[in-house]
Amino acid sequence: MLCLSSQCHVRVNVDRLLTRQVRATLVNPASGEEIDAGTYATGNAIGAVFPEWKSQAFSVPGYWEDAVLILDGCE
């Protein structure tokens, strides 16, 4: 979980997550509204010595003041 406290962009190194894929959700803390931000490959093959370097950019939606980014591992 990552708190984005203003209109901003963030790049997350998803290869640090110990799962093959990650599902991202943006939550508006003021209203509870949730937006599916997609599912992304992490480049981390379970059992690999070194993960493939991967990062993913996320942005706070234009009409929100701030957001919470939730990353859930999925297979």
N, C-alpha and C. Protein backbone atom coordinates (compact mmCIF):
# COMPACT_ATOMS: atom_id res chain seq x y z
N MET A 1 0.85 -1.16 0.00
CA MET A 1 0.00 0.00 0.00
C MET A 1 0.90 1.23 0.00
N LEU A 2 0.52 2.22 -0.80
CA LEU A 2 1.30 3.44 -0.93
C LEU A 2 0.34 4.61 -0.93
N CYS A 3 0.59 5.60 -0.10
CA CYS A 3 -0.27 6.78 -0.02
C CYS A 3 0.30 7.88 -0.92
N LEU A 4 -0.51 8.35 -1.86
CA LEU A 4 -0.12 9.43 -2.77
C LEU A 4 -0.88 10.67 -2.31
N SER A 5 -0.20 11.60 -1.68
CA SER A 5 -0.86 12.69 -0.96
C SER A 5 -1.20 13.92 -1.79
N SER A 6 -1.04 13.84 -3.09
CA SER A 6 -1.38 14.98 -3.94
C SER A 6 -1.52 14.48 -5.38
N GLN A 7 -1.79 15.39 -6.30
CA GLN A 7 -1.80 15.03 -7.73
C GLN A 7 -0.36 14.75 -8.11
N CYS A 8 -0.04 13.48 -8.29
CA CYS A 8 1.35 13.13 -8.58
C CYS A 8 1.42 11.85 -9.39
N HIS A 9 2.63 11.54 -9.80
CA HIS A 9 2.95 10.31 -10.51
C HIS A 9 4.01 9.59 -9.68
N VAL A 10 3.97 8.28 -9.71
CA VAL A 10 4.95 7.49 -8.97
C VAL A 10 5.35 6.30 -9.83
N ARG A 11 6.60 5.89 -9.72
CA ARG A 11 7.09 4.71 -10.43
C ARG A 11 7.50 3.69 -9.36
N VAL A 12 6.93 2.49 -9.46
CA VAL A 12 7.16 1.44 -8.47
C VAL A 12 7.99 0.32 -9.11
N ASN A 13 9.04 -0.10 -8.42
CA ASN A 13 9.84 -1.24 -8.87
C ASN A 13 9.08 -2.52 -8.49
N VAL A 14 8.25 -3.02 -9.40
CA VAL A 14 7.42 -4.18 -9.10
C VAL A 14 8.23 -5.48 -9.04
N ASP A 15 9.46 -5.45 -9.53
CA ASP A 15 10.30 -6.65 -9.47
C ASP A 15 10.70 -7.00 -8.04
N ARG A 16 10.48 -6.11 -7.11
CA ARG A 16 10.79 -6.36 -5.70
C ARG A 16 9.72 -7.21 -5.01
N LEU A 17 8.58 -7.38 -5.68
CA LEU A 17 7.47 -8.15 -5.12
C LEU A 17 7.66 -9.62 -5.45
N LEU A 18 7.48 -10.48 -4.47
CA LEU A 18 7.75 -11.91 -4.66
C LEU A 18 6.52 -12.63 -5.21
N THR A 19 6.10 -12.21 -6.37
CA THR A 19 5.00 -12.84 -7.09
C THR A 19 5.21 -12.58 -8.58
N ARG A 20 4.59 -13.37 -9.41
CA ARG A 20 4.80 -13.20 -10.85
C ARG A 20 4.00 -12.04 -11.42
N GLN A 21 2.84 -11.76 -10.83
CA GLN A 21 2.00 -10.66 -11.28
C GLN A 21 1.49 -9.88 -10.08
N VAL A 22 1.15 -8.63 -10.32
CA VAL A 22 0.60 -7.79 -9.27
C VAL A 22 -0.64 -7.07 -9.83
N ARG A 23 -1.69 -7.01 -9.01
CA ARG A 23 -2.92 -6.30 -9.38
C ARG A 23 -2.92 -4.97 -8.61
N ALA A 24 -3.12 -3.88 -9.34
CA ALA A 24 -3.09 -2.54 -8.73
C ALA A 24 -4.51 -1.97 -8.66
N THR A 25 -4.80 -1.34 -7.52
CA THR A 25 -6.09 -0.67 -7.32
C THR A 25 -5.80 0.70 -6.71
N LEU A 26 -6.44 1.73 -7.25
CA LEU A 26 -6.36 3.07 -6.67
C LEU A 26 -7.64 3.32 -5.89
N VAL A 27 -7.50 3.82 -4.66
CA VAL A 27 -8.65 4.09 -3.79
C VAL A 27 -8.65 5.57 -3.42
N ASN A 28 -9.80 6.21 -3.59
CA ASN A 28 -9.97 7.61 -3.17
C ASN A 28 -10.34 7.59 -1.69
N PRO A 29 -9.45 8.07 -0.80
CA PRO A 29 -9.73 8.00 0.64
C PRO A 29 -10.91 8.89 1.06
N ALA A 30 -11.23 9.91 0.29
CA ALA A 30 -12.33 10.80 0.64
C ALA A 30 -13.69 10.15 0.39
N SER A 31 -13.80 9.36 -0.69
CA SER A 31 -15.10 8.80 -1.06
C SER A 31 -15.17 7.28 -0.98
N GLY A 32 -14.01 6.62 -0.93
CA GLY A 32 -13.98 5.16 -0.95
C GLY A 32 -14.06 4.58 -2.35
N GLU A 33 -14.15 5.43 -3.37
CA GLU A 33 -14.21 4.97 -4.76
C GLU A 33 -12.94 4.21 -5.11
N GLU A 34 -13.10 3.09 -5.81
CA GLU A 34 -11.96 2.28 -6.23
C GLU A 34 -11.89 2.23 -7.75
N ILE A 35 -10.68 2.29 -8.28
CA ILE A 35 -10.43 2.17 -9.71
C ILE A 35 -9.42 1.05 -9.92
N ASP A 36 -9.75 0.11 -10.80
CA ASP A 36 -8.81 -0.94 -11.16
C ASP A 36 -7.71 -0.30 -11.99
N ALA A 37 -6.46 -0.41 -11.53
CA ALA A 37 -5.34 0.21 -12.23
C ALA A 37 -4.56 -0.80 -13.07
N GLY A 38 -5.06 -2.03 -13.17
CA GLY A 38 -4.44 -3.01 -14.05
C GLY A 38 -3.70 -4.12 -13.35
N THR A 39 -3.29 -5.11 -14.13
CA THR A 39 -2.48 -6.23 -13.65
C THR A 39 -1.19 -6.22 -14.46
N TYR A 40 -0.07 -6.37 -13.75
CA TYR A 40 1.24 -6.21 -14.39
C TYR A 40 2.17 -7.37 -14.02
N ALA A 41 2.98 -7.78 -14.98
CA ALA A 41 4.02 -8.78 -14.71
C ALA A 41 5.13 -8.11 -13.90
N THR A 42 5.64 -8.82 -12.91
CA THR A 42 6.69 -8.25 -12.06
C THR A 42 8.08 -8.57 -12.57
N GLY A 43 8.20 -9.56 -13.46
CA GLY A 43 9.51 -9.98 -13.91
C GLY A 43 10.20 -10.90 -12.93
N ASN A 44 9.48 -11.25 -11.86
CA ASN A 44 10.05 -12.09 -10.81
C ASN A 44 9.55 -13.51 -10.99
N ALA A 45 10.33 -14.32 -11.67
CA ALA A 45 10.00 -15.74 -11.82
C ALA A 45 10.40 -16.44 -10.53
N ILE A 46 9.44 -17.02 -9.87
CA ILE A 46 9.71 -17.69 -8.60
C ILE A 46 10.82 -18.73 -8.81
N GLY A 47 11.83 -18.65 -7.97
CA GLY A 47 12.96 -19.56 -8.06
C GLY A 47 14.12 -19.02 -8.88
N ALA A 48 13.93 -17.89 -9.57
CA ALA A 48 15.02 -17.30 -10.35
C ALA A 48 16.02 -16.63 -9.41
N VAL A 49 17.28 -16.69 -9.76
CA VAL A 49 18.31 -16.06 -8.94
C VAL A 49 18.16 -14.54 -8.97
N PHE A 50 17.97 -13.98 -10.15
CA PHE A 50 17.80 -12.54 -10.30
C PHE A 50 16.50 -12.25 -11.06
N PRO A 51 15.66 -11.36 -10.55
CA PRO A 51 14.45 -11.02 -11.29
C PRO A 51 14.78 -10.14 -12.49
N GLU A 52 13.90 -10.18 -13.48
CA GLU A 52 14.00 -9.28 -14.62
C GLU A 52 13.56 -7.90 -14.14
N TRP A 53 14.35 -6.85 -14.36
CA TRP A 53 14.02 -5.52 -13.85
C TRP A 53 12.74 -5.01 -14.49
N LYS A 54 11.76 -4.65 -13.65
CA LYS A 54 10.50 -4.11 -14.14
C LYS A 54 10.05 -3.01 -13.19
N SER A 55 9.50 -1.93 -13.77
CA SER A 55 8.87 -0.90 -12.96
C SER A 55 7.57 -0.50 -13.66
N GLN A 56 6.68 0.11 -12.90
CA GLN A 56 5.39 0.50 -13.44
C GLN A 56 5.04 1.88 -12.89
N ALA A 57 4.53 2.75 -13.76
CA ALA A 57 4.13 4.10 -13.36
C ALA A 57 2.64 4.12 -13.02
N PHE A 58 2.29 4.90 -12.01
CA PHE A 58 0.91 5.11 -11.59
C PHE A 58 0.70 6.60 -11.37
N SER A 59 -0.55 7.06 -11.58
CA SER A 59 -0.88 8.47 -11.39
C SER A 59 -2.20 8.60 -10.62
N VAL A 60 -2.30 9.63 -9.83
CA VAL A 60 -3.56 9.94 -9.16
C VAL A 60 -4.52 10.46 -10.22
N PRO A 61 -5.75 9.93 -10.29
CA PRO A 61 -6.72 10.44 -11.27
C PRO A 61 -6.91 11.95 -11.14
N GLY A 62 -7.11 12.61 -12.26
CA GLY A 62 -7.16 14.07 -12.31
C GLY A 62 -8.19 14.74 -11.43
N TYR A 63 -9.27 14.05 -11.12
CA TYR A 63 -10.34 14.67 -10.33
C TYR A 63 -10.28 14.29 -8.85
N TRP A 64 -9.22 13.59 -8.43
CA TRP A 64 -9.02 13.23 -7.02
C TRP A 64 -7.95 14.14 -6.41
N GLU A 65 -8.07 14.42 -5.10
CA GLU A 65 -7.04 15.19 -4.40
C GLU A 65 -5.85 14.32 -4.03
N ASP A 66 -6.11 13.07 -3.68
CA ASP A 66 -5.06 12.13 -3.31
C ASP A 66 -5.57 10.72 -3.54
N ALA A 67 -4.73 9.72 -3.29
CA ALA A 67 -5.12 8.33 -3.54
C ALA A 67 -4.27 7.38 -2.70
N VAL A 68 -4.81 6.19 -2.52
CA VAL A 68 -4.06 5.09 -1.92
C VAL A 68 -3.89 4.05 -3.01
N LEU A 69 -2.66 3.62 -3.25
CA LEU A 69 -2.35 2.60 -4.24
C LEU A 69 -2.16 1.28 -3.51
N ILE A 70 -2.98 0.30 -3.88
CA ILE A 70 -2.89 -1.03 -3.26
C ILE A 70 -2.37 -2.00 -4.32
N LEU A 71 -1.32 -2.73 -3.97
CA LEU A 71 -0.74 -3.73 -4.87
C LEU A 71 -0.93 -5.10 -4.24
N ASP A 72 -1.65 -5.97 -4.95
CA ASP A 72 -1.92 -7.33 -4.48
C ASP A 72 -1.24 -8.32 -5.41
N GLY A 73 -0.51 -9.27 -4.85
CA GLY A 73 0.10 -10.30 -5.65
C GLY A 73 -0.96 -11.27 -6.18
N CYS A 74 -0.79 -11.71 -7.41
CA CYS A 74 -1.71 -12.67 -8.01
C CYS A 74 -0.91 -13.55 -8.95
N GLU A 75 -1.41 -14.70 -9.25
CA GLU A 75 -0.71 -15.63 -10.14
C GLU A 75 -1.42 -15.76 -11.44
